[in-house]
């Protein structure tokens, strides 16, 4: 195993448990949400394979 892959993981939905979610962005940013409302908010904001933490003007060829 080479490491944790970026993505969104949600657990505890549909059961009598408190749901929680982990989101690892491709840039390395990590967020965790606990509770139905917080998990819902995180799942609507999270973009897998698309980083909202950097702007195109500060990365890649646009800087050069």
N, C-alpha and C. Protein backbone atom coordinates (compact mmCIF):
# COMPACT_ATOMS: atom_id res chain seq x y z
N UNK A 1 0.85 -1.17 0.00
CA UNK A 1 0.00 0.00 0.00
C UNK A 1 0.89 1.24 0.00
N UNK A 2 0.61 2.16 -0.88
CA UNK A 2 1.45 3.34 -1.01
C UNK A 2 0.92 4.53 -0.22
N UNK A 3 -0.30 4.50 0.23
CA UNK A 3 -0.86 5.60 1.01
C UNK A 3 -2.36 5.70 0.84
N UNK A 4 -2.91 6.68 1.49
CA UNK A 4 -4.35 6.90 1.42
C UNK A 4 -4.67 7.65 0.15
N UNK A 5 -5.65 7.18 -0.58
CA UNK A 5 -6.06 7.80 -1.84
C UNK A 5 -7.05 8.93 -1.57
N UNK A 6 -6.99 10.01 -2.33
CA UNK A 6 -7.97 11.09 -2.19
C UNK A 6 -9.37 10.57 -2.50
N UNK A 7 -10.35 11.12 -1.82
CA UNK A 7 -11.73 10.74 -2.07
C UNK A 7 -12.61 11.08 -0.88
N UNK A 8 -13.85 10.65 -0.98
CA UNK A 8 -14.86 10.92 0.04
C UNK A 8 -15.36 9.60 0.59
N UNK A 9 -15.35 9.46 1.92
CA UNK A 9 -15.85 8.26 2.57
C UNK A 9 -16.93 8.66 3.55
N UNK A 10 -18.10 8.04 3.43
CA UNK A 10 -19.22 8.31 4.33
C UNK A 10 -19.61 7.00 5.00
N UNK A 11 -19.78 7.05 6.32
CA UNK A 11 -20.16 5.85 7.07
C UNK A 11 -21.29 6.18 8.03
N UNK A 12 -22.10 5.17 8.31
CA UNK A 12 -23.15 5.32 9.33
C UNK A 12 -24.48 5.81 8.82
N UNK A 13 -24.66 5.95 7.53
CA UNK A 13 -25.96 6.38 7.01
C UNK A 13 -26.92 5.19 6.98
N UNK A 14 -28.17 5.45 7.25
CA UNK A 14 -29.19 4.41 7.16
C UNK A 14 -29.23 3.48 8.36
N UNK A 15 -28.41 3.71 9.34
CA UNK A 15 -28.42 2.91 10.56
C UNK A 15 -28.69 3.83 11.74
N UNK A 16 -28.89 3.25 12.89
CA UNK A 16 -29.10 4.06 14.08
C UNK A 16 -27.76 4.47 14.68
N UNK A 17 -26.90 5.02 13.86
CA UNK A 17 -25.60 5.49 14.29
C UNK A 17 -25.43 6.94 13.84
N UNK A 18 -24.50 7.63 14.46
CA UNK A 18 -24.20 8.98 14.04
C UNK A 18 -23.31 8.89 12.81
N UNK A 19 -23.76 9.44 11.68
CA UNK A 19 -22.95 9.36 10.46
C UNK A 19 -21.72 10.26 10.54
N UNK A 20 -20.67 9.84 9.84
CA UNK A 20 -19.49 10.67 9.72
C UNK A 20 -18.90 10.51 8.34
N UNK A 21 -18.14 11.52 7.93
CA UNK A 21 -17.55 11.51 6.60
C UNK A 21 -16.14 12.06 6.68
N UNK A 22 -15.28 11.51 5.85
CA UNK A 22 -13.91 11.98 5.70
C UNK A 22 -13.70 12.32 4.23
N UNK A 23 -13.12 13.49 3.98
CA UNK A 23 -12.80 13.91 2.62
C UNK A 23 -11.33 14.25 2.57
N UNK A 24 -10.61 13.57 1.70
CA UNK A 24 -9.21 13.88 1.45
C UNK A 24 -9.12 14.42 0.03
N UNK A 25 -8.77 15.69 -0.07
CA UNK A 25 -8.67 16.36 -1.37
C UNK A 25 -7.37 15.94 -2.06
N UNK A 26 -7.31 16.10 -3.37
CA UNK A 26 -6.11 15.76 -4.12
C UNK A 26 -4.92 16.63 -3.71
N UNK A 27 -5.16 17.80 -3.11
CA UNK A 27 -4.08 18.68 -2.65
C UNK A 27 -3.56 18.27 -1.27
N UNK A 28 -4.25 17.33 -0.61
CA UNK A 28 -3.83 16.87 0.71
C UNK A 28 -4.67 17.42 1.85
N UNK A 29 -5.57 18.35 1.55
CA UNK A 29 -6.47 18.91 2.57
C UNK A 29 -7.42 17.83 3.06
N UNK A 30 -7.60 17.72 4.39
CA UNK A 30 -8.49 16.71 4.98
C UNK A 30 -9.57 17.40 5.79
N UNK A 31 -10.80 16.92 5.63
CA UNK A 31 -11.92 17.40 6.44
C UNK A 31 -12.69 16.21 6.96
N UNK A 32 -13.21 16.34 8.17
CA UNK A 32 -14.05 15.30 8.77
C UNK A 32 -15.32 15.97 9.26
N UNK A 33 -16.45 15.32 9.01
CA UNK A 33 -17.74 15.82 9.46
C UNK A 33 -18.42 14.73 10.28
N UNK A 34 -19.14 15.14 11.32
CA UNK A 34 -19.85 14.20 12.18
C UNK A 34 -21.25 14.73 12.41
N UNK A 35 -22.24 13.87 12.22
CA UNK A 35 -23.64 14.28 12.34
C UNK A 35 -24.27 14.43 10.96
N UNK A 36 -25.56 14.18 10.90
CA UNK A 36 -26.26 14.17 9.61
C UNK A 36 -26.14 15.50 8.87
N UNK A 37 -26.34 16.60 9.53
CA UNK A 37 -26.29 17.91 8.87
C UNK A 37 -24.88 18.22 8.36
N UNK A 38 -23.88 17.99 9.19
CA UNK A 38 -22.49 18.27 8.80
C UNK A 38 -22.05 17.36 7.65
N UNK A 39 -22.47 16.10 7.68
CA UNK A 39 -22.12 15.17 6.60
C UNK A 39 -22.78 15.61 5.30
N UNK A 40 -24.03 16.03 5.37
CA UNK A 40 -24.73 16.50 4.17
C UNK A 40 -24.03 17.72 3.59
N UNK A 41 -23.63 18.67 4.43
CA UNK A 41 -22.93 19.86 3.95
C UNK A 41 -21.59 19.50 3.31
N UNK A 42 -20.86 18.57 3.93
CA UNK A 42 -19.57 18.18 3.37
C UNK A 42 -19.73 17.46 2.04
N UNK A 43 -20.70 16.59 1.94
CA UNK A 43 -20.87 15.85 0.68
C UNK A 43 -21.32 16.76 -0.46
N UNK A 44 -21.98 17.86 -0.16
CA UNK A 44 -22.36 18.78 -1.24
C UNK A 44 -21.18 19.66 -1.66
N UNK A 45 -20.22 19.93 -0.75
CA UNK A 45 -19.06 20.74 -1.08
C UNK A 45 -17.91 19.96 -1.68
N UNK A 46 -17.76 18.71 -1.29
CA UNK A 46 -16.60 17.91 -1.70
C UNK A 46 -16.63 17.63 -3.20
N UNK A 47 -15.49 17.80 -3.82
CA UNK A 47 -15.32 17.51 -5.25
C UNK A 47 -14.16 16.54 -5.38
N UNK A 48 -14.46 15.31 -5.77
CA UNK A 48 -13.43 14.30 -5.93
C UNK A 48 -12.69 14.56 -7.23
N UNK A 49 -11.37 14.51 -7.18
CA UNK A 49 -10.47 14.77 -8.31
C UNK A 49 -10.53 16.21 -8.81
N UNK A 50 -11.05 17.13 -8.00
CA UNK A 50 -11.12 18.54 -8.37
C UNK A 50 -10.88 19.35 -7.10
N UNK A 51 -9.77 20.08 -7.05
CA UNK A 51 -9.38 20.79 -5.84
C UNK A 51 -9.99 22.20 -5.78
N UNK A 52 -10.82 22.48 -4.78
CA UNK A 52 -11.34 23.83 -4.61
C UNK A 52 -10.43 24.72 -3.76
N UNK A 53 -9.32 24.19 -3.27
CA UNK A 53 -8.43 24.92 -2.37
C UNK A 53 -7.36 25.72 -3.09
N UNK A 54 -7.16 25.46 -4.36
CA UNK A 54 -6.19 26.23 -5.14
C UNK A 54 -6.90 26.84 -6.33
N UNK A 55 -6.39 27.94 -6.78
CA UNK A 55 -6.99 28.58 -7.95
C UNK A 55 -6.12 28.27 -9.17
N UNK A 56 -6.69 28.19 -10.36
CA UNK A 56 -5.91 27.90 -11.54
C UNK A 56 -4.77 28.91 -11.78
N UNK A 57 -4.94 30.15 -11.35
CA UNK A 57 -3.90 31.16 -11.58
C UNK A 57 -2.66 30.94 -10.71
N UNK A 58 -2.77 30.12 -9.66
CA UNK A 58 -1.62 29.92 -8.77
C UNK A 58 -0.98 28.56 -8.96
N UNK A 59 -1.44 27.76 -9.91
CA UNK A 59 -0.87 26.45 -10.13
C UNK A 59 -0.57 26.23 -11.59
N UNK A 60 0.28 25.30 -11.86
CA UNK A 60 0.53 24.84 -13.22
C UNK A 60 1.17 25.86 -14.13
N UNK A 61 0.81 25.78 -15.40
CA UNK A 61 1.44 26.61 -16.43
C UNK A 61 1.04 28.06 -16.36
N UNK A 62 -0.10 28.37 -15.73
CA UNK A 62 -0.54 29.75 -15.67
C UNK A 62 0.47 30.63 -14.93
N UNK A 63 1.19 30.06 -13.98
CA UNK A 63 2.18 30.82 -13.23
C UNK A 63 3.41 31.11 -14.08
N UNK A 64 3.80 30.17 -14.89
CA UNK A 64 4.98 30.32 -15.74
C UNK A 64 4.71 31.31 -16.81
